[in-house]
Structure formats: structure tokens, C-alpha cells
Amino acid sequence: MNDPEPQAAAPREAQRLVVVSGASGAGKTSVAHRLLEDARFARAVTATTREPREGEQDGVDYHFLTAGAFHKRLIADDFLAPAEVYGHWYGTPRENVEAILASGRHCILVIDVQGVEDIKSSGVEALYVFVDAPSFEELQQRLRGRGDEDPEKISARLRAARAELDKKDLFDRVLVNDDIDRAAREVADWLGLELA
């Protein structure tokens, strides 16, 4: 008598890296936080050399590193999309992304447009999402409403935002963030998911 053949495992949904970007103030982090309320998503925490803002926690919001520690890891090629932005270095540890995908969850990576250019040019497969504000006036209002930066820095961010808006064609999808829940549901829908 022959042993029955083992049953094939049910196909698993393919986990994806979801790269979320957009101009400062467009709400990319807010959209990502809404997606992260669903257990099928996890965020790859980016490392930075900048100081924490009020309320930010090391290992949760960012991995806050000294310039020396960051550059040591940079030389070792430990980061995805390392970039200097507004005088500080940012980069996502590769092992963070790999661990999340291996755990069976979709990996959310929130980075600036410059980082997206670097990741895409290195051939990293992902769903690239550009989060946009409903208008440039709304973007200005959001940046000024943060109250955490001086007017010179806000002006620099607005100049950079104009250049970032010209790079929308780098992305697979453009998402207008006029409602965070709706925007997050739209990203989930692109992955074939219904957001919890």
C-alpha cells in the first residue's frame, strides 16, 4: 500500500515591501501609522543621526545613532537608501526589512524621495507609493502647523517639496491624502487586502 502523498500547503500571500514617500507634510507617516494598526503590516525603523523630536522614542520612531556609529554601518553597507537630508543622515537597516518579510508581514518603509531614487536604482522590488497633499497650499499649512521648526527650515522644506512633487513618475501609485483612513485603505487595496 502506498503512503498518501503529502498535501501541498495552501499558497501564502506574497509579502511585499511597501515604500511610502512624498513631500514633507503630505502625511506619509500618518498613512503608514494607520496601516500599522493592522497586524499584517510592520514598519522598518529607519536609523538617523538627527536628535529625537519631543515624544520620539529610540527604536520605535527611529534608531537614533551618533554620526560615528552611523558611518561605521554605512561603510559596512548595512543600510538601504542611505542619504543625507537637511544636514542629517538617514538609512534603513537591511536586516530590519528582511526580518519583517520573513515573519510573514508586509514591510512599510517610510523614506524621502531621494531615498526612493536610490532604492529603485539598486533594483529593490517594492510597491512605491507617493503620498501627496490635496494642494500645495494645504502642504504649506500642514508644515507651518507643526510648530516644531523655525521659518527658515519650513521654507527649505517647501522648496524641497516643489522638487519632490516633480518626481511622482518614479512611483507605482500616487495617493492624495485628504483622509488618512481612506488613503490607508487604498494602499491595502493595492495589495489585495481589506484593511482591518
N, C-alpha and C. Protein backbone atom coordinates (compact mmCIF):
# COMPACT_ATOMS: atom_id res chain seq x y z
N MET A 1 0.84 -1.19 0.00
CA MET A 1 0.00 0.00 0.00
C MET A 1 0.89 1.25 0.00
N ASN A 2 0.58 2.15 -0.89
CA ASN A 2 1.38 3.37 -0.99
C ASN A 2 0.95 4.39 0.05
N ASP A 3 1.93 5.09 0.58
CA ASP A 3 1.60 6.19 1.50
C ASP A 3 0.97 7.32 0.70
N PRO A 4 -0.03 7.96 1.27
CA PRO A 4 -0.62 9.08 0.54
C PRO A 4 0.41 10.20 0.38
N GLU A 5 0.32 10.87 -0.75
CA GLU A 5 1.24 11.98 -0.97
C GLU A 5 0.91 13.12 -0.03
N PRO A 6 1.94 13.80 0.48
CA PRO A 6 1.65 14.93 1.38
C PRO A 6 0.88 16.01 0.64
N GLN A 7 -0.03 16.61 1.37
CA GLN A 7 -0.84 17.69 0.79
C GLN A 7 0.03 18.93 0.63
N ALA A 8 -0.14 19.60 -0.48
CA ALA A 8 0.59 20.85 -0.69
C ALA A 8 0.03 21.91 0.24
N ALA A 9 0.92 22.70 0.80
CA ALA A 9 0.48 23.78 1.68
C ALA A 9 -0.28 24.82 0.86
N ALA A 10 -1.24 25.44 1.51
CA ALA A 10 -2.00 26.49 0.84
C ALA A 10 -1.04 27.61 0.46
N PRO A 11 -1.20 28.17 -0.72
CA PRO A 11 -0.27 29.24 -1.11
C PRO A 11 -0.38 30.43 -0.17
N ARG A 12 0.78 30.92 0.25
CA ARG A 12 0.80 32.09 1.12
C ARG A 12 0.76 33.36 0.29
N GLU A 13 0.08 34.31 0.84
CA GLU A 13 0.03 35.62 0.19
C GLU A 13 1.46 36.17 0.18
N ALA A 14 1.87 36.72 -0.93
CA ALA A 14 3.24 37.23 -1.05
C ALA A 14 3.39 38.51 -0.23
N GLN A 15 4.39 38.51 0.63
CA GLN A 15 4.66 39.69 1.43
C GLN A 15 5.41 40.69 0.55
N ARG A 16 5.09 41.95 0.71
CA ARG A 16 5.70 42.99 -0.13
C ARG A 16 6.35 44.04 0.74
N LEU A 17 7.38 44.61 0.18
CA LEU A 17 7.95 45.83 0.73
C LEU A 17 7.12 46.97 0.14
N VAL A 18 6.59 47.83 1.00
CA VAL A 18 5.79 48.98 0.57
C VAL A 18 6.57 50.23 0.94
N VAL A 19 7.08 50.92 -0.08
CA VAL A 19 7.88 52.12 0.14
C VAL A 19 6.94 53.33 0.03
N VAL A 20 6.79 54.05 1.15
CA VAL A 20 5.89 55.20 1.22
C VAL A 20 6.74 56.45 1.28
N SER A 21 6.46 57.37 0.36
CA SER A 21 7.24 58.60 0.31
C SER A 21 6.32 59.76 -0.06
N GLY A 22 6.90 60.93 -0.19
CA GLY A 22 6.14 62.12 -0.54
C GLY A 22 6.80 63.34 0.07
N ALA A 23 6.28 64.48 -0.26
CA ALA A 23 6.83 65.72 0.27
C ALA A 23 6.60 65.81 1.78
N SER A 24 7.50 66.48 2.46
CA SER A 24 7.35 66.71 3.89
C SER A 24 6.02 67.42 4.14
N GLY A 25 5.21 66.88 5.05
CA GLY A 25 3.92 67.48 5.36
C GLY A 25 2.75 66.86 4.63
N ALA A 26 3.02 65.96 3.68
CA ALA A 26 1.92 65.34 2.92
C ALA A 26 1.17 64.30 3.73
N GLY A 27 1.80 63.79 4.78
CA GLY A 27 1.12 62.82 5.64
C GLY A 27 1.55 61.38 5.42
N LYS A 28 2.75 61.18 4.87
CA LYS A 28 3.20 59.80 4.61
C LYS A 28 3.32 59.00 5.90
N THR A 29 3.82 59.62 6.96
CA THR A 29 3.96 58.91 8.24
C THR A 29 2.60 58.60 8.84
N SER A 30 1.65 59.51 8.71
CA SER A 30 0.30 59.28 9.23
C SER A 30 -0.38 58.12 8.50
N VAL A 31 -0.22 58.05 7.19
CA VAL A 31 -0.80 56.95 6.41
C VAL A 31 -0.15 55.63 6.84
N ALA A 32 1.17 55.65 7.00
CA ALA A 32 1.88 54.44 7.43
C ALA A 32 1.40 54.00 8.81
N HIS A 33 1.23 54.93 9.74
CA HIS A 33 0.76 54.58 11.09
C HIS A 33 -0.62 53.93 11.05
N ARG A 34 -1.49 54.41 10.15
CA ARG A 34 -2.82 53.80 10.04
C ARG A 34 -2.70 52.37 9.51
N LEU A 35 -1.84 52.13 8.52
CA LEU A 35 -1.63 50.77 8.01
C LEU A 35 -1.08 49.86 9.12
N LEU A 36 -0.23 50.41 9.97
CA LEU A 36 0.41 49.61 11.01
C LEU A 36 -0.55 49.19 12.13
N GLU A 37 -1.76 49.75 12.12
CA GLU A 37 -2.77 49.28 13.07
C GLU A 37 -3.25 47.88 12.71
N ASP A 38 -2.96 47.45 11.49
CA ASP A 38 -3.30 46.12 11.00
C ASP A 38 -2.07 45.23 11.22
N ALA A 39 -2.26 44.09 11.87
CA ALA A 39 -1.15 43.21 12.24
C ALA A 39 -0.41 42.60 11.05
N ARG A 40 -0.97 42.72 9.84
CA ARG A 40 -0.29 42.18 8.65
C ARG A 40 0.81 43.10 8.14
N PHE A 41 0.97 44.26 8.78
CA PHE A 41 1.99 45.24 8.40
C PHE A 41 2.95 45.47 9.56
N ALA A 42 4.19 45.76 9.23
CA ALA A 42 5.17 46.18 10.22
C ALA A 42 6.07 47.21 9.56
N ARG A 43 6.59 48.11 10.35
CA ARG A 43 7.42 49.19 9.82
C ARG A 43 8.89 48.90 10.04
N ALA A 44 9.66 49.07 9.00
CA ALA A 44 11.11 49.00 9.13
C ALA A 44 11.56 50.34 9.71
N VAL A 45 12.15 50.30 10.88
CA VAL A 45 12.56 51.53 11.57
C VAL A 45 13.86 52.03 10.97
N THR A 46 13.85 53.29 10.56
CA THR A 46 15.00 53.93 9.94
C THR A 46 15.96 54.44 11.00
N ALA A 47 17.24 54.42 10.69
CA ALA A 47 18.26 55.00 11.57
C ALA A 47 18.54 56.42 11.11
N THR A 48 18.87 57.27 12.05
CA THR A 48 19.20 58.67 11.72
C THR A 48 20.22 59.22 12.69
N THR A 49 20.93 60.25 12.22
CA THR A 49 21.89 60.95 13.08
C THR A 49 21.27 62.19 13.71
N ARG A 50 20.01 62.50 13.37
CA ARG A 50 19.42 63.71 13.96
C ARG A 50 18.97 63.42 15.39
N GLU A 51 18.77 64.51 16.14
CA GLU A 51 18.30 64.39 17.51
C GLU A 51 16.81 64.03 17.52
N PRO A 52 16.36 63.30 18.53
CA PRO A 52 14.92 62.98 18.61
C PRO A 52 14.09 64.25 18.84
N ARG A 53 12.92 64.29 18.20
CA ARG A 53 11.96 65.35 18.48
C ARG A 53 11.20 64.95 19.75
N GLU A 54 10.52 65.91 20.33
CA GLU A 54 9.77 65.65 21.55
C GLU A 54 8.79 64.50 21.34
N GLY A 55 8.84 63.52 22.24
CA GLY A 55 7.94 62.38 22.19
C GLY A 55 8.45 61.20 21.37
N GLU A 56 9.51 61.39 20.56
CA GLU A 56 10.04 60.28 19.76
C GLU A 56 10.85 59.33 20.65
N GLN A 57 10.74 58.03 20.34
CA GLN A 57 11.44 57.02 21.12
C GLN A 57 12.43 56.27 20.24
N ASP A 58 13.61 56.03 20.79
CA ASP A 58 14.63 55.28 20.08
C ASP A 58 14.15 53.85 19.86
N GLY A 59 14.30 53.37 18.62
CA GLY A 59 13.88 52.02 18.28
C GLY A 59 12.42 51.91 17.89
N VAL A 60 11.65 52.96 18.13
CA VAL A 60 10.23 52.98 17.76
C VAL A 60 10.02 53.93 16.59
N ASP A 61 10.39 55.18 16.78
CA ASP A 61 10.25 56.17 15.71
C ASP A 61 11.45 56.11 14.76
N TYR A 62 12.64 56.06 15.33
CA TYR A 62 13.90 55.95 14.60
C TYR A 62 14.89 55.22 15.49
N HIS A 63 15.96 54.74 14.88
CA HIS A 63 17.14 54.32 15.64
C HIS A 63 18.03 55.56 15.63
N PHE A 64 18.19 56.21 16.77
CA PHE A 64 18.99 57.43 16.84
C PHE A 64 20.45 57.03 17.09
N LEU A 65 21.29 57.31 16.10
CA LEU A 65 22.71 56.92 16.16
C LEU A 65 23.59 58.16 16.15
N THR A 66 24.77 58.00 16.72
CA THR A 66 25.77 59.07 16.60
C THR A 66 26.27 59.05 15.16
N ALA A 67 26.87 60.14 14.72
CA ALA A 67 27.41 60.20 13.36
C ALA A 67 28.45 59.10 13.16
N GLY A 68 29.28 58.86 14.16
CA GLY A 68 30.32 57.83 14.06
C GLY A 68 29.73 56.43 13.90
N ALA A 69 28.72 56.11 14.70
CA ALA A 69 28.09 54.79 14.62
C ALA A 69 27.39 54.61 13.28
N PHE A 70 26.75 55.66 12.81
CA PHE A 70 26.05 55.58 11.53
C PHE A 70 27.05 55.32 10.40
N HIS A 71 28.12 56.10 10.37
CA HIS A 71 29.10 55.98 9.28
C HIS A 71 29.83 54.64 9.29
N LYS A 72 30.02 54.06 10.46
CA LYS A 72 30.62 52.73 10.55
C LYS A 72 29.71 51.72 9.85
N ARG A 73 28.42 51.81 10.10
CA ARG A 73 27.46 50.90 9.46
C ARG A 73 27.29 51.23 7.98
N LEU A 74 27.42 52.49 7.63
CA LEU A 74 27.33 52.91 6.23
C LEU A 74 28.46 52.25 5.41
N ILE A 75 29.65 52.27 5.95
CA ILE A 75 30.80 51.66 5.28
C ILE A 75 30.58 50.15 5.11
N ALA A 76 29.92 49.53 6.08
CA ALA A 76 29.65 48.08 6.01
C ALA A 76 28.47 47.75 5.10
N ASP A 77 27.86 48.77 4.45
CA ASP A 77 26.72 48.60 3.54
C ASP A 77 25.51 47.98 4.25
N ASP A 78 25.29 48.41 5.50
CA ASP A 78 24.18 47.88 6.31
C ASP A 78 22.85 48.54 6.01
N PHE A 79 22.85 49.65 5.25
CA PHE A 79 21.63 50.43 5.08
C PHE A 79 21.06 50.34 3.67
N LEU A 80 19.74 50.35 3.62
CA LEU A 80 19.00 50.56 2.37
C LEU A 80 18.81 52.07 2.24
N ALA A 81 19.09 52.60 1.10
CA ALA A 81 18.86 54.02 0.79
C ALA A 81 19.44 55.00 1.79
N PRO A 82 20.74 54.90 2.10
CA PRO A 82 21.30 55.92 2.99
C PRO A 82 21.37 57.26 2.27
N ALA A 83 21.04 58.31 2.99
CA ALA A 83 21.05 59.64 2.37
C ALA A 83 21.22 60.71 3.44
N GLU A 84 21.84 61.80 3.04
CA GLU A 84 21.94 62.96 3.91
C GLU A 84 20.81 63.90 3.53
N VAL A 85 19.97 64.23 4.51
CA VAL A 85 18.80 65.07 4.27
C VAL A 85 18.76 66.16 5.35
N TYR A 86 18.72 67.41 4.91
CA TYR A 86 18.67 68.55 5.83
C TYR A 86 19.77 68.46 6.90
N GLY A 87 20.96 68.02 6.48
CA GLY A 87 22.11 68.00 7.37
C GLY A 87 22.22 66.79 8.27
N HIS A 88 21.33 65.80 8.13
CA HIS A 88 21.38 64.59 8.95
C HIS A 88 21.33 63.37 8.04
N TRP A 89 21.96 62.28 8.51
CA TRP A 89 21.95 61.03 7.75
C TRP A 89 20.78 60.15 8.15
N TYR A 90 20.22 59.46 7.14
CA TYR A 90 19.13 58.51 7.34
C TYR A 90 19.45 57.25 6.55
N GLY A 91 19.00 56.12 7.04
CA GLY A 91 19.15 54.85 6.32
C GLY A 91 18.39 53.76 7.05
N THR A 92 17.83 52.81 6.32
CA THR A 92 17.09 51.72 6.94
C THR A 92 17.96 50.47 6.98
N PRO A 93 18.18 49.93 8.18
CA PRO A 93 18.98 48.71 8.27
C PRO A 93 18.34 47.57 7.45
N ARG A 94 19.13 46.99 6.56
CA ARG A 94 18.63 45.93 5.67
C ARG A 94 18.02 44.76 6.46
N GLU A 95 18.65 44.41 7.58
CA GLU A 95 18.16 43.25 8.33
C GLU A 95 16.76 43.49 8.89
N ASN A 96 16.39 44.74 9.14
CA ASN A 96 15.04 45.03 9.64
C ASN A 96 13.99 44.65 8.59
N VAL A 97 14.25 45.04 7.35
CA VAL A 97 13.32 44.75 6.25
C VAL A 97 13.21 43.24 6.05
N GLU A 98 14.35 42.56 6.00
CA GLU A 98 14.37 41.11 5.77
C GLU A 98 13.64 40.36 6.87
N ALA A 99 13.81 40.78 8.12
CA ALA A 99 13.17 40.11 9.26
C ALA A 99 11.65 40.25 9.20
N ILE A 100 11.17 41.43 8.83
CA ILE A 100 9.72 41.65 8.74
C ILE A 100 9.11 40.78 7.64
N LEU A 101 9.72 40.78 6.46
CA LEU A 101 9.19 39.97 5.37
C LEU A 101 9.23 38.49 5.71
N ALA A 102 10.29 38.04 6.37
CA ALA A 102 10.41 36.64 6.77
C ALA A 102 9.36 36.25 7.81
N SER A 103 8.88 37.25 8.57
CA SER A 103 7.86 36.97 9.60
C SER A 103 6.46 36.83 9.00
N GLY A 104 6.33 37.06 7.68
CA GLY A 104 5.03 36.92 7.03
C GLY A 104 4.21 38.18 6.98
N ARG A 105 4.84 39.32 7.26
CA ARG A 105 4.11 40.59 7.22
C ARG A 105 4.62 41.45 6.06
N HIS A 106 3.77 42.38 5.63
CA HIS A 106 4.20 43.38 4.64
C HIS A 106 5.05 44.40 5.39
N CYS A 107 6.13 44.83 4.75
CA CYS A 107 7.06 45.77 5.39
C CYS A 107 6.83 47.17 4.86
N ILE A 108 6.53 48.10 5.75
CA ILE A 108 6.35 49.51 5.40
C ILE A 108 7.66 50.23 5.62
N LEU A 109 8.10 50.93 4.60
CA LEU A 109 9.32 51.72 4.70
C LEU A 109 8.95 53.16 4.32
N VAL A 110 9.10 54.07 5.28
CA VAL A 110 8.78 55.48 5.05
C VAL A 110 10.09 56.23 4.85
N ILE A 111 10.29 56.73 3.62
CA ILE A 111 11.54 57.43 3.31
C ILE A 111 11.27 58.63 2.42
N ASP A 112 12.30 59.46 2.25
CA ASP A 112 12.14 60.63 1.39
C ASP A 112 12.33 60.23 -0.09
N VAL A 113 12.01 61.14 -0.97
CA VAL A 113 12.05 60.88 -2.41
C VAL A 113 13.46 60.52 -2.87
N GLN A 114 14.47 61.19 -2.33
CA GLN A 114 15.86 60.89 -2.68
C GLN A 114 16.17 59.42 -2.38
N GLY A 115 15.68 58.92 -1.25
CA GLY A 115 15.89 57.53 -0.88
C GLY A 115 15.21 56.58 -1.85
N VAL A 116 14.04 56.96 -2.34
CA VAL A 116 13.32 56.14 -3.32
C VAL A 116 14.14 56.00 -4.59
N GLU A 117 14.72 57.11 -5.04
CA GLU A 117 15.56 57.06 -6.25
C GLU A 117 16.70 56.06 -6.06
N ASP A 118 17.32 56.07 -4.88
CA ASP A 118 18.43 55.16 -4.60
C ASP A 118 17.97 53.70 -4.58
N ILE A 119 16.86 53.44 -3.91
CA ILE A 119 16.36 52.07 -3.79
C ILE A 119 15.96 51.53 -5.16
N LYS A 120 15.23 52.34 -5.93
CA LYS A 120 14.79 51.88 -7.25
C LYS A 120 15.98 51.62 -8.16
N SER A 121 16.98 52.48 -8.10
CA SER A 121 18.14 52.30 -8.98
C SER A 121 18.94 51.06 -8.62
N SER A 122 18.80 50.58 -7.36
CA SER A 122 19.50 49.36 -6.98
C SER A 122 18.65 48.11 -7.22
N GLY A 123 17.45 48.30 -7.81
CA GLY A 123 16.62 47.16 -8.22
C GLY A 123 15.78 46.52 -7.14
N VAL A 124 15.54 47.20 -6.04
CA VAL A 124 14.74 46.63 -4.96
C VAL A 124 13.27 46.58 -5.39
N GLU A 125 12.68 45.38 -5.32
CA GLU A 125 11.28 45.18 -5.69
C GLU A 125 10.38 45.67 -4.56
N ALA A 126 9.41 46.50 -4.89
CA ALA A 126 8.52 47.05 -3.88
C ALA A 126 7.31 47.67 -4.57
N LEU A 127 6.31 47.99 -3.77
CA LEU A 127 5.21 48.84 -4.22
C LEU A 127 5.61 50.24 -3.77
N TYR A 128 5.85 51.14 -4.73
CA TYR A 128 6.30 52.50 -4.44
C TYR A 128 5.10 53.44 -4.46
N VAL A 129 4.81 54.05 -3.30
CA VAL A 129 3.63 54.90 -3.14
C VAL A 129 4.05 56.33 -2.80
N PHE A 130 3.59 57.27 -3.62
CA PHE A 130 3.84 58.70 -3.36
C PHE A 130 2.60 59.28 -2.69
N VAL A 131 2.75 59.80 -1.48
CA VAL A 131 1.65 60.44 -0.76
C VAL A 131 1.72 61.94 -1.03
N ASP A 132 0.61 62.47 -1.50
CA ASP A 132 0.53 63.89 -1.85
C ASP A 132 -0.56 64.56 -1.02
N ALA A 133 -0.38 65.83 -0.74
CA ALA A 133 -1.43 66.62 -0.09
C ALA A 133 -2.45 67.03 -1.15
N PRO A 134 -3.66 67.38 -0.76
CA PRO A 134 -4.66 67.78 -1.75
C PRO A 134 -4.23 68.99 -2.58
N SER A 135 -3.39 69.86 -2.02
CA SER A 135 -2.90 71.03 -2.75
C SER A 135 -1.60 71.50 -2.11
N PHE A 136 -0.86 72.35 -2.84
CA PHE A 136 0.39 72.87 -2.27
C PHE A 136 0.08 73.80 -1.10
N GLU A 137 -1.03 74.51 -1.16
CA GLU A 137 -1.43 75.40 -0.06
C GLU A 137 -1.69 74.59 1.21
N GLU A 138 -2.32 73.43 1.05
CA GLU A 138 -2.57 72.54 2.19
C GLU A 138 -1.25 72.03 2.76
N LEU A 139 -0.31 71.72 1.89
CA LEU A 139 1.01 71.26 2.33
C LEU A 139 1.69 72.35 3.16
N GLN A 140 1.65 73.60 2.69
CA GLN A 140 2.23 74.72 3.44
C GLN A 140 1.59 74.83 4.81
N GLN A 141 0.27 74.73 4.85
CA GLN A 141 -0.47 74.86 6.10
C GLN A 141 -0.06 73.76 7.08
N ARG A 142 0.07 72.54 6.59
CA ARG A 142 0.45 71.41 7.45
C ARG A 142 1.84 71.62 8.03
N LEU A 143 2.79 72.07 7.19
CA LEU A 143 4.15 72.28 7.68
C LEU A 143 4.21 73.39 8.73
N ARG A 144 3.50 74.47 8.47
CA ARG A 144 3.51 75.58 9.43
C ARG A 144 2.77 75.22 10.70
N GLY A 145 1.80 74.33 10.60
CA GLY A 145 1.00 73.92 11.75
C GLY A 145 1.74 72.99 12.70
N ARG A 146 2.85 72.41 12.27
CA ARG A 146 3.62 71.51 13.13
C ARG A 146 4.21 72.24 14.33
N GLY A 147 4.64 73.48 14.09
CA GLY A 147 5.18 74.30 15.18
C GLY A 147 6.50 73.81 15.75
N ASP A 148 7.19 72.91 15.05
CA ASP A 148 8.42 72.37 15.61
C ASP A 148 9.68 72.83 14.88
N GLU A 149 9.52 73.75 13.92
CA GLU A 149 10.69 74.20 13.18
C GLU A 149 10.63 75.71 12.94
N ASP A 150 11.79 76.29 12.79
CA ASP A 150 11.84 77.72 12.53
C ASP A 150 11.44 78.01 11.07
N PRO A 151 11.07 79.26 10.77
CA PRO A 151 10.61 79.61 9.43
C PRO A 151 11.61 79.30 8.32
N GLU A 152 12.91 79.43 8.59
CA GLU A 152 13.91 79.11 7.57
C GLU A 152 13.85 77.65 7.16
N LYS A 153 13.72 76.76 8.15
CA LYS A 153 13.63 75.32 7.86
C LYS A 153 12.35 75.00 7.11
N ILE A 154 11.26 75.64 7.48
CA ILE A 154 9.99 75.41 6.78
C ILE A 154 10.13 75.85 5.32
N SER A 155 10.76 77.00 5.09
CA SER A 155 10.96 77.48 3.71
C SER A 155 11.80 76.49 2.91
N ALA A 156 12.84 75.94 3.55
CA ALA A 156 13.69 74.95 2.87
C ALA A 156 12.88 73.70 2.53
N ARG A 157 12.02 73.27 3.43
CA ARG A 157 11.19 72.09 3.18
C ARG A 157 10.19 72.35 2.05
N LEU A 158 9.67 73.56 1.99
CA LEU A 158 8.72 73.89 0.91
C LEU A 158 9.42 73.94 -0.45
N ARG A 159 10.65 74.46 -0.47
CA ARG A 159 11.42 74.44 -1.73
C ARG A 159 11.68 73.00 -2.16
N ALA A 160 12.06 72.16 -1.19
CA ALA A 160 12.32 70.75 -1.50
C ALA A 160 11.03 70.06 -1.95
N ALA A 161 9.91 70.43 -1.34
CA ALA A 161 8.63 69.81 -1.70
C ALA A 161 8.29 70.04 -3.16
N ARG A 162 8.56 71.23 -3.65
CA ARG A 162 8.28 71.51 -5.07
C ARG A 162 9.07 70.57 -5.98
N ALA A 163 10.35 70.34 -5.63
CA ALA A 163 11.18 69.43 -6.42
C ALA A 163 10.69 67.99 -6.28
N GLU A 164 10.26 67.60 -5.07
CA GLU A 164 9.78 66.24 -4.84
C GLU A 164 8.49 65.97 -5.60
N LEU A 165 7.64 66.96 -5.70
CA LEU A 165 6.38 66.79 -6.43
C LEU A 165 6.62 66.50 -7.91
N ASP A 166 7.76 66.96 -8.43
CA ASP A 166 8.10 66.70 -9.83
C ASP A 166 8.58 65.27 -10.07
N LYS A 167 8.75 64.49 -9.00
CA LYS A 167 9.28 63.13 -9.13
C LYS A 167 8.20 62.06 -9.00
N LYS A 168 6.95 62.44 -9.09
CA LYS A 168 5.86 61.48 -8.91
C LYS A 168 5.94 60.31 -9.88
N ASP A 169 6.53 60.54 -11.05
CA ASP A 169 6.58 59.48 -12.06
C ASP A 169 7.51 58.33 -11.67
N LEU A 170 8.28 58.48 -10.59
CA LEU A 170 9.12 57.40 -10.08
C LEU A 170 8.28 56.30 -9.42
N PHE A 171 7.05 56.63 -9.06
CA PHE A 171 6.25 55.78 -8.19
C PHE A 171 5.23 54.95 -8.96
N ASP A 172 4.87 53.81 -8.36
CA ASP A 172 3.84 52.94 -8.94
C ASP A 172 2.46 53.56 -8.76
N ARG A 173 2.27 54.23 -7.64
CA ARG A 173 0.96 54.81 -7.31
C ARG A 173 1.14 56.17 -6.66
N VAL A 174 0.19 57.07 -6.95
CA VAL A 174 0.15 58.38 -6.29
C VAL A 174 -1.14 58.43 -5.50
N LEU A 175 -1.04 58.81 -4.26
CA LEU A 175 -2.15 58.79 -3.32
C LEU A 175 -2.37 60.19 -2.76
N VAL A 176 -3.55 60.75 -2.97
CA VAL A 176 -3.85 62.07 -2.39
C VAL A 176 -4.39 61.84 -0.98
N ASN A 177 -3.68 62.38 0.00
CA ASN A 177 -4.03 62.17 1.40
C ASN A 177 -4.95 63.29 1.89
N ASP A 178 -6.25 63.13 1.59
CA ASP A 178 -7.23 64.08 2.12
C ASP A 178 -7.99 63.46 3.30
N ASP A 179 -7.80 62.16 3.52
CA ASP A 179 -8.41 61.45 4.65
C ASP A 179 -7.52 60.24 4.92
N ILE A 180 -6.96 60.17 6.12
CA ILE A 180 -5.96 59.14 6.42
C ILE A 180 -6.54 57.73 6.30
N ASP A 181 -7.74 57.50 6.83
CA ASP A 181 -8.34 56.16 6.75
C ASP A 181 -8.55 55.74 5.30
N ARG A 182 -9.09 56.64 4.50
CA ARG A 182 -9.34 56.31 3.09
C ARG A 182 -8.02 56.04 2.37
N ALA A 183 -7.01 56.87 2.64
CA ALA A 183 -5.71 56.70 1.99
C ALA A 183 -5.09 55.35 2.36
N ALA A 184 -5.15 54.97 3.63
CA ALA A 184 -4.59 53.69 4.06
C ALA A 184 -5.36 52.52 3.45
N ARG A 185 -6.68 52.63 3.37
CA ARG A 185 -7.49 51.57 2.74
C ARG A 185 -7.11 51.40 1.28
N GLU A 186 -6.80 52.51 0.62
CA GLU A 186 -6.41 52.44 -0.79
C GLU A 186 -5.09 51.69 -0.96
N VAL A 187 -4.12 51.94 -0.09
CA VAL A 187 -2.84 51.21 -0.15
C VAL A 187 -3.09 49.72 0.07
N ALA A 188 -3.88 49.38 1.08
CA ALA A 188 -4.19 47.97 1.36
C ALA A 188 -4.87 47.33 0.16
N ASP A 189 -5.77 48.06 -0.47
CA ASP A 189 -6.47 47.55 -1.65
C ASP A 189 -5.49 47.22 -2.78
N TRP A 190 -4.48 48.06 -2.96
CA TRP A 190 -3.46 47.80 -3.99
C TRP A 190 -2.71 46.50 -3.72
N LEU A 191 -2.69 46.09 -2.44
CA LEU A 191 -2.01 44.84 -2.06
C LEU A 191 -2.99 43.66 -2.05
N GLY A 192 -4.24 43.93 -2.40
CA GLY A 192 -5.26 42.88 -2.38
C GLY A 192 -5.76 42.56 -0.99
N LEU A 193 -5.68 43.53 -0.09
CA LEU A 193 -6.11 43.35 1.30
C LEU A 193 -7.29 44.25 1.64
N GLU A 194 -8.07 43.78 2.60
CA GLU A 194 -9.08 44.65 3.20
C GLU A 194 -8.52 45.09 4.53
N LEU A 195 -8.41 46.37 4.76
CA LEU A 195 -7.76 46.87 5.97
C LEU A 195 -8.62 46.58 7.19
N ALA A 196 -8.00 46.07 8.23
CA ALA A 196 -8.71 45.75 9.48
C ALA A 196 -9.06 47.04 10.22
